[in-house]
Amino acid sequence: MEIEYDRPATGERLIKIKRFLETSGLDWDEAITATVSLTKNGQIIATGSRQRNVLKCVAASPARQGEGLISTVMSELVKDAHAEGFSHLFIFTKPNNIEIFAGLGFYPLAETAGAALLENRRNGVSDYAASLKKPEAEGVIGAIVANCNPFTNGHRYLAETASRECSFVYMFILTEDSGGFPAETRFRLARDSVSDLKNVFVCPTGPYLVSYATLPDYFIKDKVMAKDINYGLDIALFAERFAKPLGIFRRYVGTEPSCVVTAGYNARMKELLPGYGIDVIEVQRREQNGQAVSASAVRALLAEGRLEEVRPLVPEAVYSYLKERNRDAR
């Protein structure tokens, strides 16, 4: 038996891997960056792949069950991930495979009818949720999950609305870097922009909400359609692992007039979250000169060097940062 690596697989090799996955009812994921294949006499007998810290498309030949092939593939994938600096790993698989991967040191996070997500830390998500600040007084607890790339007056309006209607609000800012503004900068600008809203607690999502593990297509959303995205895992993870222990009963979102992915995600939340006892409050986007205020509009203006036109669209803390960044770039 031989172990072969592809970074990523292409050409005839990719065709063979896709055909092998089909025999296990799995589809190839175009976001994959590395693949491990076990071969014998030139034929694939097991394979597994990775996208950053997410393991996926793991399968073994049905005729060779019981030979430890999955264990070997997983061991190689984990070593490969560690070599690239990823130690906190997730695996995306079918629900009927949970037991297999649980036996290899992975722990269930969330599950839908068609997919399951596991991580390699026993109490990873529970410990993370427990580490977040808790409200000091009783009342309605709300949540916002946003990229804030960068933070705009639209985000501010959403936070103000939630702050006014709730006794405490968790404002989760995406930890994943997705281009544009680094995660650390997005978090700092969001925190500074709502510092006067004393009942709004700004916190990072960690690797759990709207991440490469739970919602990978979000980060290439200009290339996909909403119908192609599995929103269910991310929504289940939020509801079961964050909302339930933190006492969150409302999730605030802004209306989405332009991005089909975000609009689809909002629609799916409105469909699923009430089943967990969570109300989805959709707030009409704030407008400026008849146009919805959005981070994408801000980025477009910045790309054209129109900094002064950005000023009415963002809080002062954000504008000051952008002005300083523009000065440093000269």
C-alpha atoms as a PDB file:
ATOM      1  CA  MET A   1       0.000   0.000   0.000  1.00  0.00           C
ATOM      2  CA  GLU A   2       1.270   3.478  -0.888  1.00  0.00           C
ATOM      3  CA  ILE A   3       0.404   6.901   0.550  1.00  0.00           C
ATOM      4  CA  GLU A   4       0.090   9.692  -2.004  1.00  0.00           C
ATOM      5  CA  TYR A   5      -0.352  13.434  -1.480  1.00  0.00           C
ATOM      6  CA  ASP A   6      -1.925  16.025  -3.765  1.00  0.00           C
ATOM      7  CA  ARG A   7      -1.796  19.791  -3.046  1.00  0.00           C
ATOM      8  CA  PRO A   8      -4.350  20.051  -4.573  1.00  0.00           C
ATOM      9  CA  ALA A   9      -5.341  17.159  -6.826  1.00  0.00           C
ATOM     10  CA  THR A  10      -5.574  18.009 -10.513  1.00  0.00           C
ATOM     11  CA  GLY A  11      -6.008  16.374 -13.883  1.00  0.00           C
ATOM     12  CA  GLU A  12      -6.356  12.599 -14.038  1.00  0.00           C
ATOM     13  CA  ARG A  13      -5.640  12.265 -10.314  1.00  0.00           C
ATOM     14  CA  LEU A  14      -8.586  14.491  -9.479  1.00  0.00           C
ATOM     15  CA  ILE A  15     -10.853  12.541 -11.815  1.00  0.00           C
ATOM     16  CA  LYS A  16      -9.896   9.291 -10.050  1.00  0.00           C
ATOM     17  CA  ILE A  17     -10.507  10.759  -6.594  1.00  0.00           C
ATOM     18  CA  LYS A  18     -13.900  12.142  -7.632  1.00  0.00           C
ATOM     19  CA  ARG A  19     -14.921   8.763  -9.054  1.00  0.00           C
ATOM     20  CA  PHE A  20     -13.822   7.000  -5.874  1.00  0.00           C
ATOM     21  CA  LEU A  21     -15.789   9.418  -3.686  1.00  0.00           C
ATOM     22  CA  GLU A  22     -18.889   8.841  -5.779  1.00  0.00           C
ATOM     23  CA  THR A  23     -18.833   5.165  -4.775  1.00  0.00           C
ATOM     24  CA  SER A  24     -19.267   6.320  -1.157  1.00  0.00           C
ATOM     25  CA  GLY A  25     -21.967   8.851  -2.008  1.00  0.00           C
ATOM     26  CA  LEU A  26     -19.651  11.836  -1.485  1.00  0.00           C
ATOM     27  CA  ASP A  27     -19.168  14.913  -3.656  1.00  0.00           C
ATOM     28  CA  TRP A  28     -15.813  16.587  -4.212  1.00  0.00           C
ATOM     29  CA  ASP A  29     -15.406  20.015  -2.609  1.00  0.00           C
ATOM     30  CA  GLU A  30     -13.647  22.513  -4.861  1.00  0.00           C
ATOM     31  CA  ALA A  31     -12.287  24.399  -1.824  1.00  0.00           C
ATOM     32  CA  ILE A  32     -10.031  21.464  -0.870  1.00  0.00           C
ATOM     33  CA  THR A  33      -6.331  22.292  -0.745  1.00  0.00           C
ATOM     34  CA  ALA A  34      -4.736  18.934   0.187  1.00  0.00           C
ATOM     35  CA  THR A  35      -5.639  15.270  -0.312  1.00  0.00           C
ATOM     36  CA  VAL A  36      -4.208  12.020   1.048  1.00  0.00           C
ATOM     37  CA  SER A  37      -4.891   8.836  -0.892  1.00  0.00           C
ATOM     38  CA  LEU A  38      -4.040   5.231  -0.053  1.00  0.00           C
ATOM     39  CA  THR A  39      -3.427   3.210  -3.195  1.00  0.00           C
ATOM     40  CA  LYS A  40      -2.683  -0.404  -4.049  1.00  0.00           C
ATOM     41  CA  ASN A  41      -1.635  -1.479  -7.504  1.00  0.00           C
ATOM     42  CA  GLY A  42      -2.408   2.033  -8.698  1.00  0.00           C
ATOM     43  CA  GLN A  43      -6.006   1.954  -7.437  1.00  0.00           C
ATOM     44  CA  ILE A  44      -7.369   4.223  -4.699  1.00  0.00           C
ATOM     45  CA  ILE A  45      -8.578   2.240  -1.690  1.00  0.00           C
ATOM     46  CA  ALA A  46      -9.092   5.166   0.697  1.00  0.00           C
ATOM     47  CA  THR A  47      -8.838   8.933   0.613  1.00  0.00           C
ATOM     48  CA  GLY A  48      -9.366  12.057   2.711  1.00  0.00           C
ATOM     49  CA  SER A  49      -8.941  15.780   2.142  1.00  0.00           C
ATOM     50  CA  ARG A  50      -8.434  19.050   3.955  1.00  0.00           C
ATOM     51  CA  GLN A  51      -9.407  22.694   3.573  1.00  0.00           C
ATOM     52  CA  ARG A  52      -7.334  24.620   6.120  1.00  0.00           C
ATOM     53  CA  ASN A  53      -8.287  23.051   9.473  1.00  0.00           C
ATOM     54  CA  VAL A  54     -11.378  21.239   8.175  1.00  0.00           C
ATOM     55  CA  LEU A  55     -11.119  17.570   7.188  1.00  0.00           C
ATOM     56  CA  LYS A  56     -13.638  16.310   4.648  1.00  0.00           C
ATOM     57  CA  CYS A  57     -14.303  13.845   1.825  1.00  0.00           C
ATOM     58  CA  VAL A  58     -12.944  10.929   3.879  1.00  0.00           C
ATOM     59  CA  ALA A  59     -13.844   7.504   2.502  1.00  0.00           C
ATOM     60  CA  ALA A  60     -12.571   3.922   2.231  1.00  0.00           C
ATOM     61  CA  SER A  61     -13.407   1.160  -0.200  1.00  0.00           C
ATOM     62  CA  PRO A  62     -16.442  -0.800   1.063  1.00  0.00           C
ATOM     63  CA  ALA A  63     -14.607  -4.004   0.127  1.00  0.00           C
ATOM     64  CA  ARG A  64     -11.802  -3.188   2.573  1.00  0.00           C
ATOM     65  CA  GLN A  65     -13.725  -2.297   5.685  1.00  0.00           C
ATOM     66  CA  GLY A  66     -12.055  -3.331   8.922  1.00  0.00           C
ATOM     67  CA  GLU A  67      -8.495  -2.787   7.652  1.00  0.00           C
ATOM     68  CA  GLY A  68      -7.976   0.501   9.463  1.00  0.00           C
ATOM     69  CA  LEU A  69      -7.764   2.523   6.253  1.00  0.00           C
ATOM     70  CA  ILE A  70      -9.805   5.453   7.598  1.00  0.00           C
ATOM     71  CA  SER A  71      -7.566   5.592  10.662  1.00  0.00           C
ATOM     72  CA  THR A  72      -4.463   5.732   8.451  1.00  0.00           C
ATOM     73  CA  VAL A  73      -5.938   8.478   6.249  1.00  0.00           C
ATOM     74  CA  MET A  74      -6.962  10.528   9.283  1.00  0.00           C
ATOM     75  CA  SER A  75      -3.544  10.147  10.872  1.00  0.00           C
ATOM     76  CA  GLU A  76      -1.872  11.470   7.723  1.00  0.00           C
ATOM     77  CA  LEU A  77      -4.337  14.363   7.408  1.00  0.00           C
ATOM     78  CA  VAL A  78      -3.818  15.365  11.033  1.00  0.00           C
ATOM     79  CA  LYS A  79      -0.030  15.299  10.628  1.00  0.00           C
ATOM     80  CA  ASP A  80      -0.325  17.357   7.457  1.00  0.00           C
ATOM     81  CA  ALA A  81      -2.570  19.902   9.183  1.00  0.00           C
ATOM     82  CA  HIS A  82      -0.192  20.188  12.143  1.00  0.00           C
ATOM     83  CA  ALA A  83       2.709  20.794   9.743  1.00  0.00           C
ATOM     84  CA  GLU A  84       0.821  23.857   8.454  1.00  0.00           C
ATOM     85  CA  GLY A  85       0.144  25.132  11.971  1.00  0.00           C
ATOM     86  CA  PHE A  86      -3.426  23.851  12.439  1.00  0.00           C
ATOM     87  CA  SER A  87      -3.966  22.034  15.734  1.00  0.00           C
ATOM     88  CA  HIS A  88      -7.674  22.694  16.345  1.00  0.00           C
ATOM     89  CA  LEU A  89      -9.296  20.504  13.723  1.00  0.00           C
ATOM     90  CA  PHE A  90     -12.830  19.888  12.528  1.00  0.00           C
ATOM     91  CA  ILE A  91     -14.283  17.128  10.410  1.00  0.00           C
ATOM     92  CA  PHE A  92     -17.273  17.506   8.130  1.00  0.00           C
ATOM     93  CA  THR A  93     -19.014  14.202   7.454  1.00  0.00           C
ATOM     94  CA  LYS A  94     -22.331  12.376   7.190  1.00  0.00           C
ATOM     95  CA  PRO A  95     -24.294  11.732  10.395  1.00  0.00           C
ATOM     96  CA  ASN A  96     -23.941   7.960  10.056  1.00  0.00           C
ATOM     97  CA  ASN A  97     -20.135   8.352  10.272  1.00  0.00           C
ATOM     98  CA  ILE A  98     -20.121  10.145  13.636  1.00  0.00           C
ATOM     99  CA  GLU A  99     -19.283   6.961  15.532  1.00  0.00           C
ATOM    100  CA  ILE A 100     -16.305   6.212  13.288  1.00  0.00           C
ATOM    101  CA  PHE A 101     -14.684   9.600  13.834  1.00  0.00           C
ATOM    102  CA  ALA A 102     -15.623   9.714  17.515  1.00  0.00           C
ATOM    103  CA  GLY A 103     -13.436   6.623  17.844  1.00  0.00           C
ATOM    104  CA  LEU A 104     -10.564   8.596  16.307  1.00  0.00           C
ATOM    105  CA  GLY A 105     -10.623  11.421  18.851  1.00  0.00           C
ATOM    106  CA  PHE A 106     -13.279  13.755  17.436  1.00  0.00           C
ATOM    107  CA  TYR A 107     -16.304  15.047  19.345  1.00  0.00           C
ATOM    108  CA  PRO A 108     -19.718  15.981  17.882  1.00  0.00           C
ATOM    109  CA  LEU A 109     -20.547  19.682  17.603  1.00  0.00           C
ATOM    110  CA  ALA A 110     -23.662  19.910  15.447  1.00  0.00           C
ATOM    111  CA  GLU A 111     -25.754  17.713  13.200  1.00  0.00           C
ATOM    112  CA  THR A 112     -28.418  18.122  10.536  1.00  0.00           C
ATOM    113  CA  ALA A 113     -30.239  15.532   8.447  1.00  0.00           C
ATOM    114  CA  GLY A 114     -27.447  15.488   5.878  1.00  0.00           C
ATOM    115  CA  ALA A 115     -24.264  16.579   7.622  1.00  0.00           C
ATOM    116  CA  ALA A 116     -22.387  16.499  10.909  1.00  0.00           C
ATOM    117  CA  LEU A 117     -19.497  18.516  12.302  1.00  0.00           C
ATOM    118  CA  LEU A 118     -17.013  17.265  14.894  1.00  0.00           C
ATOM    119  CA  GLU A 119     -13.921  18.810  16.510  1.00  0.00           C
ATOM    120  CA  ASN A 120     -10.804  17.298  18.080  1.00  0.00           C
ATOM    121  CA  ARG A 121     -11.253  19.041  21.447  1.00  0.00           C
ATOM    122  CA  ARG A 122     -13.469  17.294  23.978  1.00  0.00           C
ATOM    123  CA  ASN A 123     -15.081  20.414  25.437  1.00  0.00           C
ATOM    124  CA  GLY A 124     -13.874  22.987  22.918  1.00  0.00           C
ATOM    125  CA  VAL A 125     -17.123  24.751  22.103  1.00  0.00           C
ATOM    126  CA  SER A 126     -18.538  24.375  25.641  1.00  0.00           C
ATOM    127  CA  ASP A 127     -15.431  25.899  27.189  1.00  0.00           C
ATOM    128  CA  TYR A 128     -15.498  28.730  24.659  1.00  0.00           C
ATOM    129  CA  ALA A 129     -19.146  29.614  25.325  1.00  0.00           C
ATOM    130  CA  ALA A 130     -18.533  29.386  29.076  1.00  0.00           C
ATOM    131  CA  SER A 131     -15.639  31.842  28.788  1.00  0.00           C
ATOM    132  CA  LEU A 132     -17.868  34.628  27.459  1.00  0.00           C
ATOM    133  CA  LYS A 133     -19.136  37.409  29.683  1.00  0.00           C
ATOM    134  CA  LYS A 134     -22.522  36.810  31.273  1.00  0.00           C
ATOM    135  CA  PRO A 135     -25.211  39.493  31.825  1.00  0.00           C
ATOM    136  CA  GLU A 136     -25.437  40.878  35.346  1.00  0.00           C
ATOM    137  CA  ALA A 137     -29.195  41.409  35.306  1.00  0.00           C
ATOM    138  CA  GLU A 138     -32.127  39.308  34.130  1.00  0.00           C
ATOM    139  CA  GLY A 139     -34.007  40.156  30.967  1.00  0.00           C
ATOM    140  CA  VAL A 140     -34.117  39.422  27.249  1.00  0.00           C
ATOM    141  CA  ILE A 141     -30.748  38.439  25.801  1.00  0.00           C
ATOM    142  CA  GLY A 142     -30.111  39.045  22.108  1.00  0.00           C
ATOM    143  CA  ALA A 143     -27.311  38.292  19.668  1.00  0.00           C
ATOM    144  CA  ILE A 144     -25.800  39.670  16.493  1.00  0.00           C
ATOM    145  CA  VAL A 145     -23.314  37.765  14.336  1.00  0.00           C
ATOM    146  CA  ALA A 146     -21.519  39.975  11.831  1.00  0.00           C
ATOM    147  CA  ASN A 147     -18.391  40.166   9.702  1.00  0.00           C
ATOM    148  CA  CYS A 148     -18.042  43.985   9.942  1.00  0.00           C
ATOM    149  CA  ASN A 149     -15.619  44.217   7.049  1.00  0.00           C
ATOM    150  CA  PRO A 150     -15.470  47.089   8.016  1.00  0.00           C
ATOM    151  CA  PHE A 151     -17.921  48.207  10.709  1.00  0.00           C
ATOM    152  CA  THR A 152     -20.473  50.672   9.288  1.00  0.00           C
ATOM    153  CA  ASN A 153     -23.309  52.844  10.508  1.00  0.00           C
ATOM    154  CA  GLY A 154     -25.541  49.985   9.366  1.00  0.00           C
ATOM    155  CA  HIS A 155     -23.932  47.716  11.952  1.00  0.00           C
ATOM    156  CA  ARG A 156     -24.208  50.513  14.482  1.00  0.00           C
ATOM    157  CA  TYR A 157     -27.942  50.912  13.789  1.00  0.00           C
ATOM    158  CA  LEU A 158     -28.448  47.150  14.216  1.00  0.00           C
ATOM    159  CA  ALA A 159     -26.557  47.231  17.526  1.00  0.00           C
ATOM    160  CA  GLU A 160     -28.560  50.254  18.733  1.00  0.00           C
ATOM    161  CA  THR A 161     -31.834  48.500  17.916  1.00  0.00           C
ATOM    162  CA  ALA A 162     -30.833  45.328  19.742  1.00  0.00           C
ATOM    163  CA  SER A 163     -29.473  47.341  22.668  1.00  0.00           C
ATOM    164  CA  ARG A 164     -32.760  49.215  23.002  1.00  0.00           C
ATOM    165  CA  GLU A 165     -34.916  46.089  22.862  1.00  0.00           C
ATOM    166  CA  CYS A 166     -32.786  43.730  24.973  1.00  0.00           C
ATOM    167  CA  SER A 167     -31.248  43.853  28.418  1.00  0.00           C
ATOM    168  CA  PHE A 168     -28.005  42.350  27.096  1.00  0.00           C
ATOM    169  CA  VAL A 169     -26.627  41.751  23.591  1.00  0.00           C
ATOM    170  CA  TYR A 170     -23.812  39.507  22.417  1.00  0.00           C
ATOM    171  CA  MET A 171     -22.256  40.994  19.290  1.00  0.00           C
ATOM    172  CA  PHE A 172     -20.179  38.239  17.716  1.00  0.00           C
ATOM    173  CA  ILE A 173     -17.553  39.412  15.208  1.00  0.00           C
ATOM    174  CA  LEU A 174     -16.241  36.820  12.772  1.00  0.00           C
ATOM    175  CA  THR A 175     -12.800  35.557  13.716  1.00  0.00           C
ATOM    176  CA  GLU A 176     -11.977  34.121  10.299  1.00  0.00           C
ATOM    177  CA  ASP A 177      -9.899  36.334   8.022  1.00  0.00           C
ATOM    178  CA  SER A 178     -11.792  36.629   4.765  1.00  0.00           C
ATOM    179  CA  GLY A 179      -9.924  39.374   2.942  1.00  0.00           C
ATOM    180  CA  GLY A 180     -10.347  43.103   3.349  1.00  0.00           C
ATOM    181  CA  PHE A 181      -9.793  43.981   6.999  1.00  0.00           C
ATOM    182  CA  PRO A 182      -7.960  41.593   9.368  1.00  0.00           C
ATOM    183  CA  ALA A 183      -9.989  39.959  12.134  1.00  0.00           C
ATOM    184  CA  GLU A 184      -8.167  41.836  14.888  1.00  0.00           C
ATOM    185  CA  THR A 185      -8.904  45.176  13.212  1.00  0.00           C
ATOM    186  CA  ARG A 186     -12.561  44.345  12.563  1.00  0.00           C
ATOM    187  CA  PHE A 187     -13.009  43.325  16.182  1.00  0.00           C
ATOM    188  CA  ARG A 188     -11.338  46.447  17.564  1.00  0.00           C
ATOM    189  CA  LEU A 189     -13.312  48.813  15.335  1.00  0.00           C
ATOM    190  CA  ALA A 190     -16.590  47.121  16.257  1.00  0.00           C
ATOM    191  CA  ARG A 191     -15.776  47.299  19.965  1.00  0.00           C
ATOM    192  CA  ASP A 192     -14.774  50.965  19.759  1.00  0.00           C
ATOM    193  CA  SER A 193     -17.837  51.863  17.683  1.00  0.00           C
ATOM    194  CA  VAL A 194     -20.347  50.560  20.244  1.00  0.00           C
ATOM    195  CA  SER A 195     -18.417  51.337  23.441  1.00  0.00           C
ATOM    196  CA  ASP A 196     -21.179  53.698  24.583  1.00  0.00           C
ATOM    197  CA  LEU A 197     -23.795  50.927  24.368  1.00  0.00           C
ATOM    198  CA  LYS A 198     -23.098  49.489  27.808  1.00  0.00           C
ATOM    199  CA  ASN A 199     -25.277  46.415  27.402  1.00  0.00           C
ATOM    200  CA  VAL A 200     -23.618  45.322  24.132  1.00  0.00           C
ATOM    201  CA  PHE A 201     -20.756  42.872  24.633  1.00  0.00           C
ATOM    202  CA  VAL A 202     -18.497  42.524  21.570  1.00  0.00           C
ATOM    203  CA  CYS A 203     -16.809  39.138  21.338  1.00  0.00           C
ATOM    204  CA  PRO A 204     -15.112  37.019  18.659  1.00  0.00           C
ATOM    205  CA  THR A 205     -16.874  34.003  17.158  1.00  0.00           C
ATOM    206  CA  GLY A 206     -13.778  31.853  17.509  1.00  0.00           C
ATOM    207  CA  PRO A 207     -13.735  29.040  14.924  1.00  0.00           C
ATOM    208  CA  TYR A 208     -17.364  28.160  15.560  1.00  0.00           C
ATOM    209  CA  LEU A 209     -19.816  30.608  13.948  1.00  0.00           C
ATOM    210  CA  VAL A 210     -19.779  31.456  10.218  1.00  0.00           C
ATOM    211  CA  SER A 211     -16.368  29.824   9.913  1.00  0.00           C
ATOM    212  CA  TYR A 212     -14.553  27.733   7.314  1.00  0.00           C
ATOM    213  CA  ALA A 213     -15.776  24.722   9.306  1.00  0.00           C
ATOM    214  CA  THR A 214     -19.458  25.609   9.610  1.00  0.00           C
ATOM    215  CA  LEU A 215     -20.100  27.743   6.525  1.00  0.00           C
ATOM    216  CA  PRO A 216     -17.140  27.512   4.105  1.00  0.00           C
ATOM    217  CA  ASP A 217     -18.945  28.897   1.064  1.00  0.00           C
ATOM    218  CA  TYR A 218     -19.585  32.175   2.886  1.00  0.00           C
ATOM    219  CA  PHE A 219     -15.971  33.082   2.230  1.00  0.00           C
ATOM    220  CA  ILE A 220     -16.275  32.580  -1.538  1.00  0.00           C
ATOM    221  CA  LYS A 221     -19.823  33.888  -1.753  1.00  0.00           C
ATOM    222  CA  ASP A 222     -19.196  35.906  -4.881  1.00  0.00           C
ATOM    223  CA  LYS A 223     -18.729  32.589  -6.719  1.00  0.00           C
ATOM    224  CA  VAL A 224     -21.731  30.626  -5.483  1.00  0.00           C
ATOM    225  CA  MET A 225     -25.485  30.767  -5.248  1.00  0.00           C
ATOM    226  CA  ALA A 226     -27.364  30.632  -1.964  1.00  0.00           C
ATOM    227  CA  LYS A 227     -29.022  27.326  -2.817  1.00  0.00           C
ATOM    228  CA  ASP A 228     -25.620  25.624  -2.891  1.00  0.00           C
ATOM    229  CA  ILE A 229     -24.774  26.451   0.723  1.00  0.00           C
ATOM    230  CA  ASN A 230     -25.428  24.288   3.759  1.00  0.00           C
ATOM    231  CA  TYR A 231     -26.629  26.834   6.334  1.00  0.00           C
ATOM    232  CA  GLY A 232     -28.070  24.242   8.686  1.00  0.00           C
ATOM    233  CA  LEU A 233     -24.902  23.287  10.552  1.00  0.00           C
ATOM    234  CA  ASP A 234     -23.999  26.868  11.410  1.00  0.00           C
ATOM    235  CA  ILE A 235     -27.532  27.607  12.575  1.00  0.00           C
ATOM    236  CA  ALA A 236     -27.715  24.417  14.662  1.00  0.00           C
ATOM    237  CA  LEU A 237     -24.339  25.171  16.227  1.00  0.00           C
ATOM    238  CA  PHE A 238     -25.440  28.699  17.161  1.00  0.00           C
ATOM    239  CA  ALA A 239     -28.737  27.508  18.619  1.00  0.00           C
ATOM    240  CA  GLU A 240     -27.480  24.498  20.555  1.00  0.00           C
ATOM    241  CA  ARG A 241     -23.975  25.495  21.583  1.00  0.00           C
ATOM    242  CA  PHE A 242     -24.274  29.256  22.066  1.00  0.00           C
ATOM    243  CA  ALA A 243     -27.894  30.380  22.402  1.00  0.00           C
ATOM    244  CA  LYS A 244     -28.928  27.611  24.774  1.00  0.00           C
ATOM    245  CA  PRO A 245     -26.126  27.953  27.390  1.00  0.00           C
ATOM    246  CA  LEU A 246     -25.999  31.755  27.107  1.00  0.00           C
ATOM    247  CA  GLY A 247     -29.774  32.237  27.315  1.00  0.00           C
ATOM    248  CA  ILE A 248     -30.091  33.950  23.925  1.00  0.00           C
ATOM    249  CA  PHE A 249     -33.684  34.197  22.698  1.00  0.00           C
ATOM    250  CA  ARG A 250     -33.337  36.757  19.893  1.00  0.00           C
ATOM    251  CA  ARG A 251     -31.023  37.024  16.917  1.00  0.00           C
ATOM    252  CA  TYR A 252     -30.875  40.358  15.113  1.00  0.00           C
ATOM    253  CA  VAL A 253     -30.069  40.604  11.412  1.00  0.00           C
ATOM    254  CA  GLY A 254     -30.173  43.396   8.865  1.00  0.00           C
ATOM    255  CA  THR A 255     -32.217  43.077   5.689  1.00  0.00           C
ATOM    256  CA  GLU A 256     -30.051  42.053   2.750  1.00  0.00           C
ATOM    257  CA  PRO A 257     -30.918  43.684  -0.591  1.00  0.00           C
ATOM    258  CA  SER A 258     -27.862  42.682  -2.621  1.00  0.00           C
ATOM    259  CA  CYS A 259     -25.942  39.618  -1.383  1.00  0.00           C
ATOM    260  CA  VAL A 260     -27.741  36.394  -2.312  1.00  0.00           C
ATOM    261  CA  VAL A 261     -25.735  34.340   0.202  1.00  0.00           C
ATOM    262  CA  THR A 262     -26.532  36.535   3.208  1.00  0.00           C
ATOM    263  CA  ALA A 263     -30.162  36.868   2.119  1.00  0.00           C
ATOM    264  CA  GLY A 264     -30.410  33.088   1.870  1.00  0.00           C
ATOM    265  CA  TYR A 265     -28.845  32.690   5.290  1.00  0.00           C
ATOM    266  CA  ASN A 266     -31.336  35.142   6.817  1.00  0.00           C
ATOM    267  CA  ALA A 267     -34.223  33.252   5.246  1.00  0.00           C
ATOM    268  CA  ARG A 268     -32.948  29.928   6.587  1.00  0.00           C
ATOM    269  CA  MET A 269     -32.540  31.398  10.085  1.00  0.00           C
ATOM    270  CA  LYS A 270     -36.142  32.642  10.032  1.00  0.00           C
ATOM    271  CA  GLU A 271     -37.193  29.128   9.075  1.00  0.00           C
ATOM    272  CA  LEU A 272     -35.108  27.173  11.597  1.00  0.00           C
ATOM    273  CA  LEU A 273     -34.377  29.260  14.686  1.00  0.00           C
ATOM    274  CA  PRO A 274     -37.987  29.567  15.925  1.00  0.00           C
ATOM    275  CA  GLY A 275     -37.882  25.791  16.341  1.00  0.00           C
ATOM    276  CA  TYR A 276     -35.214  26.357  18.995  1.00  0.00           C
ATOM    277  CA  GLY A 277     -37.275  29.068  20.684  1.00  0.00           C
ATOM    278  CA  ILE A 278     -35.233  31.872  19.141  1.00  0.00           C
ATOM    279  CA  ASP A 279     -36.904  34.832  17.435  1.00  0.00           C
ATOM    280  CA  VAL A 280     -35.199  36.280  14.357  1.00  0.00           C
ATOM    281  CA  ILE A 281     -35.570  40.061  14.314  1.00  0.00           C
ATOM    282  CA  GLU A 282     -34.914  41.419  10.820  1.00  0.00           C
ATOM    283  CA  VAL A 283     -34.133  45.136  10.972  1.00  0.00           C
ATOM    284  CA  GLN A 284     -34.537  47.324   7.893  1.00  0.00           C
ATOM    285  CA  ARG A 285     -31.129  48.450   6.641  1.00  0.00           C
ATOM    286  CA  ARG A 286     -30.111  52.004   7.433  1.00  0.00           C
ATOM    287  CA  GLU A 287     -29.931  54.108   4.275  1.00  0.00           C
ATOM    288  CA  GLN A 288     -27.808  57.028   3.136  1.00  0.00           C
ATOM    289  CA  ASN A 289     -29.038  59.052   0.162  1.00  0.00           C
ATOM    290  CA  GLY A 290     -31.546  56.335  -0.681  1.00  0.00           C
ATOM    291  CA  GLN A 291     -28.957  53.526  -0.681  1.00  0.00           C
ATOM    292  CA  ALA A 292     -28.533  50.795   1.941  1.00  0.00           C
ATOM    293  CA  VAL A 293     -25.407  51.321   4.029  1.00  0.00           C
ATOM    294  CA  SER A 294     -23.165  48.285   3.604  1.00  0.00           C
ATOM    295  CA  ALA A 295     -19.580  47.212   4.137  1.00  0.00           C
ATOM    296  CA  SER A 296     -19.310  46.267   0.462  1.00  0.00           C
ATOM    297  CA  ALA A 297     -20.238  49.840  -0.543  1.00  0.00           C
ATOM    298  CA  VAL A 298     -17.568  51.168   1.811  1.00  0.00           C
ATOM    299  CA  ARG A 299     -14.944  48.822   0.374  1.00  0.00           C
ATOM    300  CA  ALA A 300     -15.885  49.857  -3.167  1.00  0.00           C
ATOM    301  CA  LEU A 301     -15.437  53.544  -2.330  1.00  0.00           C
ATOM    302  CA  LEU A 302     -12.110  52.859  -0.629  1.00  0.00           C
ATOM    303  CA  ALA A 303     -10.897  50.909  -3.653  1.00  0.00           C
ATOM    304  CA  GLU A 304     -11.577  54.009  -5.762  1.00  0.00           C
ATOM    305  CA  GLY A 305      -9.791  56.294  -3.316  1.00  0.00           C
ATOM    306  CA  ARG A 306     -13.017  58.127  -2.351  1.00  0.00           C
ATOM    307  CA  LEU A 307     -12.339  58.290   1.384  1.00  0.00           C
ATOM    308  CA  GLU A 308     -14.387  61.424   2.079  1.00  0.00           C
ATOM    309  CA  GLU A 309     -17.491  59.737   0.660  1.00  0.00           C
ATOM    310  CA  VAL A 310     -17.030  56.969   3.204  1.00  0.00           C
ATOM    311  CA  ARG A 311     -17.289  59.354   6.153  1.00  0.00           C
ATOM    312  CA  PRO A 312     -21.119  59.466   6.424  1.00  0.00           C
ATOM    313  CA  LEU A 313     -21.279  55.664   6.163  1.00  0.00           C
ATOM    314  CA  VAL A 314     -19.114  54.723   9.143  1.00  0.00           C
ATOM    315  CA  PRO A 315     -18.717  55.669  12.831  1.00  0.00           C
ATOM    316  CA  GLU A 316     -16.012  58.170  13.736  1.00  0.00           C
ATOM    317  CA  ALA A 317     -13.737  55.459  15.144  1.00  0.00           C
ATOM    318  CA  VAL A 318     -13.746  53.676  11.791  1.00  0.00           C
ATOM    319  CA  TYR A 319     -13.248  56.842   9.766  1.00  0.00           C
ATOM    320  CA  SER A 320     -10.287  57.850  11.956  1.00  0.00           C
ATOM    321  CA  TYR A 321      -8.706  54.444  11.387  1.00  0.00           C
ATOM    322  CA  LEU A 322      -9.265  54.619   7.626  1.00  0.00           C
ATOM    323  CA  LYS A 323      -7.850  58.131   7.468  1.00  0.00           C
ATOM    324  CA  GLU A 324      -4.740  57.077   9.384  1.00  0.00           C
ATOM    325  CA  ARG A 325      -4.321  53.989   7.208  1.00  0.00           C
ATOM    326  CA  ASN A 326      -4.621  56.121   4.089  1.00  0.00           C
ATOM    327  CA  ARG A 327      -1.969  58.501   5.426  1.00  0.00           C
ATOM    328  CA  ASP A 328       0.420  55.629   6.211  1.00  0.00           C
ATOM    329  CA  ALA A 329      -0.036  54.210   2.709  1.00  0.00           C
ATOM    330  CA  ARG A 330       1.276  57.366   1.061  1.00  0.00           C
END
